Amino acid sequence: VIYFQDDTFGVDINWMEEFSKKYKESINLSFHCNQRADLLTERKVGLLKEAGCFGVSVAVEAANDYLRNRILEKNITKEQILQAIKFLKK
């Protein structure tokens, strides 16, 4: 099993499309990766699945909005976190 622990793994959709195709063709091992909740889309989840991804860690950072956005300056809304979870569950 491979774990991609890069905070920016999959930020660029074009890169993800290329990665998904080449990874499946050349390596074809299951993997796990990190994703930011504010950047995760249904399309990205589909590409991860096609490539062989079996699990995704989503950085929530903190459950408290003030702490997450004012102190940590992550600028990730609760809605974005919940939407990312919905994409992954689907």
N, C-alpha and C. Protein backbone atom coordinates (compact mmCIF):
# COMPACT_ATOMS: atom_id res chain seq x y z
N VAL A 1 0.84 -1.18 0.00
CA VAL A 1 0.00 0.00 0.00
C VAL A 1 0.88 1.24 0.00
N ILE A 2 0.49 2.24 -0.75
CA ILE A 2 1.22 3.49 -0.85
C ILE A 2 0.41 4.59 -0.17
N TYR A 3 1.11 5.46 0.57
CA TYR A 3 0.48 6.61 1.20
C TYR A 3 1.12 7.88 0.66
N PHE A 4 0.32 8.73 0.04
CA PHE A 4 0.78 10.03 -0.41
C PHE A 4 0.45 11.04 0.68
N GLN A 5 1.47 11.57 1.35
CA GLN A 5 1.28 12.47 2.48
C GLN A 5 1.53 13.93 2.10
N ASP A 6 1.38 14.27 0.86
CA ASP A 6 1.63 15.61 0.35
C ASP A 6 0.39 16.48 0.55
N ASP A 7 0.54 17.62 1.20
CA ASP A 7 -0.59 18.52 1.46
C ASP A 7 -1.19 19.10 0.18
N THR A 8 -0.43 19.09 -0.90
CA THR A 8 -0.94 19.65 -2.15
C THR A 8 -1.22 18.56 -3.19
N PHE A 9 -1.33 17.33 -2.76
CA PHE A 9 -1.62 16.23 -3.67
C PHE A 9 -2.97 16.48 -4.33
N GLY A 10 -2.96 16.60 -5.63
CA GLY A 10 -4.21 16.76 -6.35
C GLY A 10 -4.81 18.15 -6.38
N VAL A 11 -4.02 19.16 -6.13
CA VAL A 11 -4.55 20.53 -6.18
C VAL A 11 -4.97 20.88 -7.60
N ASP A 12 -4.20 20.46 -8.57
CA ASP A 12 -4.43 20.79 -9.99
C ASP A 12 -5.20 19.65 -10.66
N ILE A 13 -6.38 19.94 -11.18
CA ILE A 13 -7.22 18.92 -11.81
C ILE A 13 -6.55 18.32 -13.04
N ASN A 14 -5.83 19.10 -13.81
CA ASN A 14 -5.15 18.57 -14.99
C ASN A 14 -4.08 17.55 -14.58
N TRP A 15 -3.36 17.88 -13.52
CA TRP A 15 -2.35 16.95 -13.00
C TRP A 15 -3.02 15.68 -12.52
N MET A 16 -4.15 15.82 -11.84
CA MET A 16 -4.85 14.63 -11.32
C MET A 16 -5.34 13.73 -12.45
N GLU A 17 -5.82 14.32 -13.53
CA GLU A 17 -6.27 13.52 -14.67
C GLU A 17 -5.11 12.72 -15.25
N GLU A 18 -3.96 13.37 -15.41
CA GLU A 18 -2.78 12.69 -15.93
C GLU A 18 -2.28 11.63 -14.95
N PHE A 19 -2.21 11.98 -13.67
CA PHE A 19 -1.76 11.05 -12.64
C PHE A 19 -2.65 9.81 -12.62
N SER A 20 -3.96 10.00 -12.61
CA SER A 20 -4.90 8.89 -12.52
C SER A 20 -4.67 7.88 -13.63
N LYS A 21 -4.53 8.36 -14.82
CA LYS A 21 -4.33 7.48 -15.98
C LYS A 21 -2.98 6.77 -15.90
N LYS A 22 -1.92 7.54 -15.70
CA LYS A 22 -0.57 6.96 -15.69
C LYS A 22 -0.34 6.04 -14.50
N TYR A 23 -0.85 6.41 -13.34
CA TYR A 23 -0.67 5.58 -12.15
C TYR A 23 -1.35 4.23 -12.34
N LYS A 24 -2.56 4.24 -12.85
CA LYS A 24 -3.30 2.99 -13.07
C LYS A 24 -2.59 2.11 -14.09
N GLU A 25 -2.07 2.71 -15.15
CA GLU A 25 -1.39 1.96 -16.21
C GLU A 25 -0.03 1.43 -15.76
N SER A 26 0.73 2.26 -15.05
CA SER A 26 2.12 1.93 -14.76
C SER A 26 2.35 1.26 -13.41
N ILE A 27 1.61 1.64 -12.39
CA ILE A 27 1.87 1.16 -11.04
C ILE A 27 0.76 0.25 -10.54
N ASN A 28 -0.46 0.71 -10.63
CA ASN A 28 -1.65 -0.07 -10.31
C ASN A 28 -1.63 -0.71 -8.92
N LEU A 29 -1.19 0.04 -7.92
CA LEU A 29 -1.26 -0.39 -6.52
C LEU A 29 -2.24 0.51 -5.79
N SER A 30 -2.94 -0.06 -4.83
CA SER A 30 -3.86 0.77 -4.06
C SER A 30 -3.07 1.80 -3.26
N PHE A 31 -3.71 2.94 -3.01
CA PHE A 31 -3.03 4.01 -2.28
C PHE A 31 -4.02 4.82 -1.46
N HIS A 32 -3.46 5.58 -0.56
CA HIS A 32 -4.20 6.49 0.31
C HIS A 32 -3.56 7.86 0.14
N CYS A 33 -4.35 8.94 0.27
CA CYS A 33 -3.78 10.27 0.11
C CYS A 33 -4.45 11.28 1.01
N ASN A 34 -3.86 12.45 1.10
CA ASN A 34 -4.42 13.59 1.81
C ASN A 34 -5.09 14.52 0.81
N GLN A 35 -6.15 15.18 1.25
CA GLN A 35 -6.82 16.18 0.43
C GLN A 35 -7.30 17.31 1.32
N ARG A 36 -7.28 18.52 0.78
CA ARG A 36 -7.86 19.66 1.50
C ARG A 36 -9.35 19.69 1.22
N ALA A 37 -10.15 19.90 2.25
CA ALA A 37 -11.61 19.91 2.10
C ALA A 37 -12.08 20.99 1.14
N ASP A 38 -11.41 22.13 1.15
CA ASP A 38 -11.85 23.24 0.30
C ASP A 38 -11.48 23.04 -1.17
N LEU A 39 -10.66 22.06 -1.48
CA LEU A 39 -10.25 21.82 -2.86
C LEU A 39 -10.80 20.52 -3.43
N LEU A 40 -11.46 19.73 -2.63
CA LEU A 40 -11.97 18.44 -3.07
C LEU A 40 -13.27 18.62 -3.85
N THR A 41 -13.35 17.97 -5.00
CA THR A 41 -14.54 18.02 -5.84
C THR A 41 -14.98 16.59 -6.15
N GLU A 42 -16.18 16.45 -6.64
CA GLU A 42 -16.68 15.14 -7.03
C GLU A 42 -15.81 14.55 -8.15
N ARG A 43 -15.39 15.38 -9.07
CA ARG A 43 -14.52 14.92 -10.17
C ARG A 43 -13.19 14.39 -9.62
N LYS A 44 -12.59 15.10 -8.69
CA LYS A 44 -11.33 14.66 -8.10
C LYS A 44 -11.48 13.32 -7.39
N VAL A 45 -12.58 13.15 -6.67
CA VAL A 45 -12.83 11.88 -5.99
C VAL A 45 -12.94 10.75 -7.02
N GLY A 46 -13.61 11.02 -8.13
CA GLY A 46 -13.73 10.02 -9.19
C GLY A 46 -12.37 9.64 -9.77
N LEU A 47 -11.52 10.63 -9.98
CA LEU A 47 -10.19 10.35 -10.51
C LEU A 47 -9.35 9.54 -9.52
N LEU A 48 -9.48 9.86 -8.25
CA LEU A 48 -8.76 9.10 -7.23
C LEU A 48 -9.22 7.64 -7.23
N LYS A 49 -10.51 7.45 -7.30
CA LYS A 49 -11.06 6.09 -7.31
C LYS A 49 -10.57 5.32 -8.54
N GLU A 50 -10.61 5.97 -9.70
CA GLU A 50 -10.15 5.33 -10.93
C GLU A 50 -8.69 4.91 -10.85
N ALA A 51 -7.89 5.70 -10.15
CA ALA A 51 -6.46 5.41 -10.04
C ALA A 51 -6.16 4.30 -9.05
N GLY A 52 -7.13 3.97 -8.17
CA GLY A 52 -6.93 2.91 -7.19
C GLY A 52 -6.86 3.38 -5.76
N CYS A 53 -7.30 4.61 -5.51
CA CYS A 53 -7.30 5.14 -4.15
C CYS A 53 -8.34 4.42 -3.30
N PHE A 54 -7.93 3.97 -2.11
CA PHE A 54 -8.85 3.28 -1.22
C PHE A 54 -9.23 4.12 0.00
N GLY A 55 -8.53 5.24 0.22
CA GLY A 55 -8.83 6.07 1.37
C GLY A 55 -8.27 7.47 1.23
N VAL A 56 -8.96 8.41 1.83
CA VAL A 56 -8.56 9.82 1.77
C VAL A 56 -8.64 10.41 3.17
N SER A 57 -7.58 11.09 3.58
CA SER A 57 -7.60 11.86 4.82
C SER A 57 -7.89 13.31 4.46
N VAL A 58 -8.88 13.87 5.13
CA VAL A 58 -9.25 15.26 4.88
C VAL A 58 -8.84 16.08 6.11
N ALA A 59 -8.07 17.12 5.86
CA ALA A 59 -7.59 17.98 6.95
C ALA A 59 -8.70 18.94 7.37
N VAL A 60 -9.32 18.66 8.50
CA VAL A 60 -10.34 19.54 9.04
C VAL A 60 -9.68 20.67 9.82
N GLU A 61 -8.50 20.42 10.33
CA GLU A 61 -7.67 21.37 11.09
C GLU A 61 -8.22 21.62 12.48
N ALA A 62 -9.47 22.06 12.59
CA ALA A 62 -10.12 22.29 13.88
C ALA A 62 -11.63 22.36 13.65
N ALA A 63 -12.41 21.84 14.58
CA ALA A 63 -13.87 21.86 14.45
C ALA A 63 -14.43 23.25 14.73
N ASN A 64 -13.70 24.07 15.43
CA ASN A 64 -14.14 25.41 15.79
C ASN A 64 -13.83 26.39 14.65
N ASP A 65 -14.86 27.05 14.12
CA ASP A 65 -14.68 27.99 13.01
C ASP A 65 -13.67 29.09 13.32
N TYR A 66 -13.77 29.66 14.50
CA TYR A 66 -12.88 30.75 14.88
C TYR A 66 -11.43 30.27 14.89
N LEU A 67 -11.18 29.17 15.51
CA LEU A 67 -9.83 28.63 15.60
C LEU A 67 -9.30 28.27 14.21
N ARG A 68 -10.12 27.58 13.42
CA ARG A 68 -9.69 27.14 12.09
C ARG A 68 -9.40 28.32 11.16
N ASN A 69 -10.25 29.32 11.19
CA ASN A 69 -10.14 30.39 10.20
C ASN A 69 -9.46 31.66 10.69
N ARG A 70 -9.56 31.99 11.94
CA ARG A 70 -8.93 33.21 12.45
C ARG A 70 -7.54 32.95 13.01
N ILE A 71 -7.40 31.88 13.79
CA ILE A 71 -6.11 31.59 14.41
C ILE A 71 -5.19 30.84 13.43
N LEU A 72 -5.70 29.76 12.85
CA LEU A 72 -4.89 28.95 11.92
C LEU A 72 -4.88 29.50 10.50
N GLU A 73 -5.80 30.42 10.21
CA GLU A 73 -5.91 31.07 8.90
C GLU A 73 -6.04 30.06 7.75
N LYS A 74 -6.88 29.05 7.94
CA LYS A 74 -7.08 28.03 6.91
C LYS A 74 -8.16 28.42 5.90
N ASN A 75 -9.09 29.28 6.31
CA ASN A 75 -10.16 29.74 5.42
C ASN A 75 -10.91 28.58 4.77
N ILE A 76 -11.31 27.64 5.59
CA ILE A 76 -12.11 26.50 5.15
C ILE A 76 -13.41 26.53 5.94
N THR A 77 -14.52 26.56 5.22
CA THR A 77 -15.82 26.65 5.88
C THR A 77 -16.32 25.27 6.30
N LYS A 78 -17.25 25.26 7.24
CA LYS A 78 -17.90 24.01 7.64
C LYS A 78 -18.60 23.38 6.45
N GLU A 79 -19.19 24.21 5.62
CA GLU A 79 -19.89 23.72 4.44
C GLU A 79 -18.93 23.00 3.49
N GLN A 80 -17.72 23.53 3.32
CA GLN A 80 -16.73 22.87 2.46
C GLN A 80 -16.32 21.53 3.04
N ILE A 81 -16.17 21.46 4.34
CA ILE A 81 -15.81 20.20 5.00
C ILE A 81 -16.93 19.18 4.80
N LEU A 82 -18.16 19.60 5.05
CA LEU A 82 -19.29 18.69 4.89
C LEU A 82 -19.47 18.25 3.45
N GLN A 83 -19.24 19.16 2.50
CA GLN A 83 -19.37 18.81 1.08
C GLN A 83 -18.29 17.80 0.69
N ALA A 84 -17.08 17.97 1.16
CA ALA A 84 -15.98 17.03 0.87
C ALA A 84 -16.34 15.64 1.39
N ILE A 85 -16.91 15.58 2.59
CA ILE A 85 -17.31 14.29 3.16
C ILE A 85 -18.41 13.65 2.32
N LYS A 86 -19.36 14.44 1.83
CA LYS A 86 -20.41 13.92 0.96
C LYS A 86 -19.84 13.34 -0.32
N PHE A 87 -18.88 14.05 -0.93
CA PHE A 87 -18.23 13.55 -2.15
C PHE A 87 -17.57 12.19 -1.88
N LEU A 88 -16.88 12.09 -0.77
CA LEU A 88 -16.17 10.85 -0.45
C LEU A 88 -17.12 9.70 -0.12
N LYS A 89 -18.20 10.00 0.58
CA LYS A 89 -19.18 8.95 0.91
C LYS A 89 -19.87 8.42 -0.34
N LYS A 90 -20.11 9.32 -1.29
CA LYS A 90 -20.81 8.93 -2.53
C LYS A 90 -19.95 7.97 -3.32
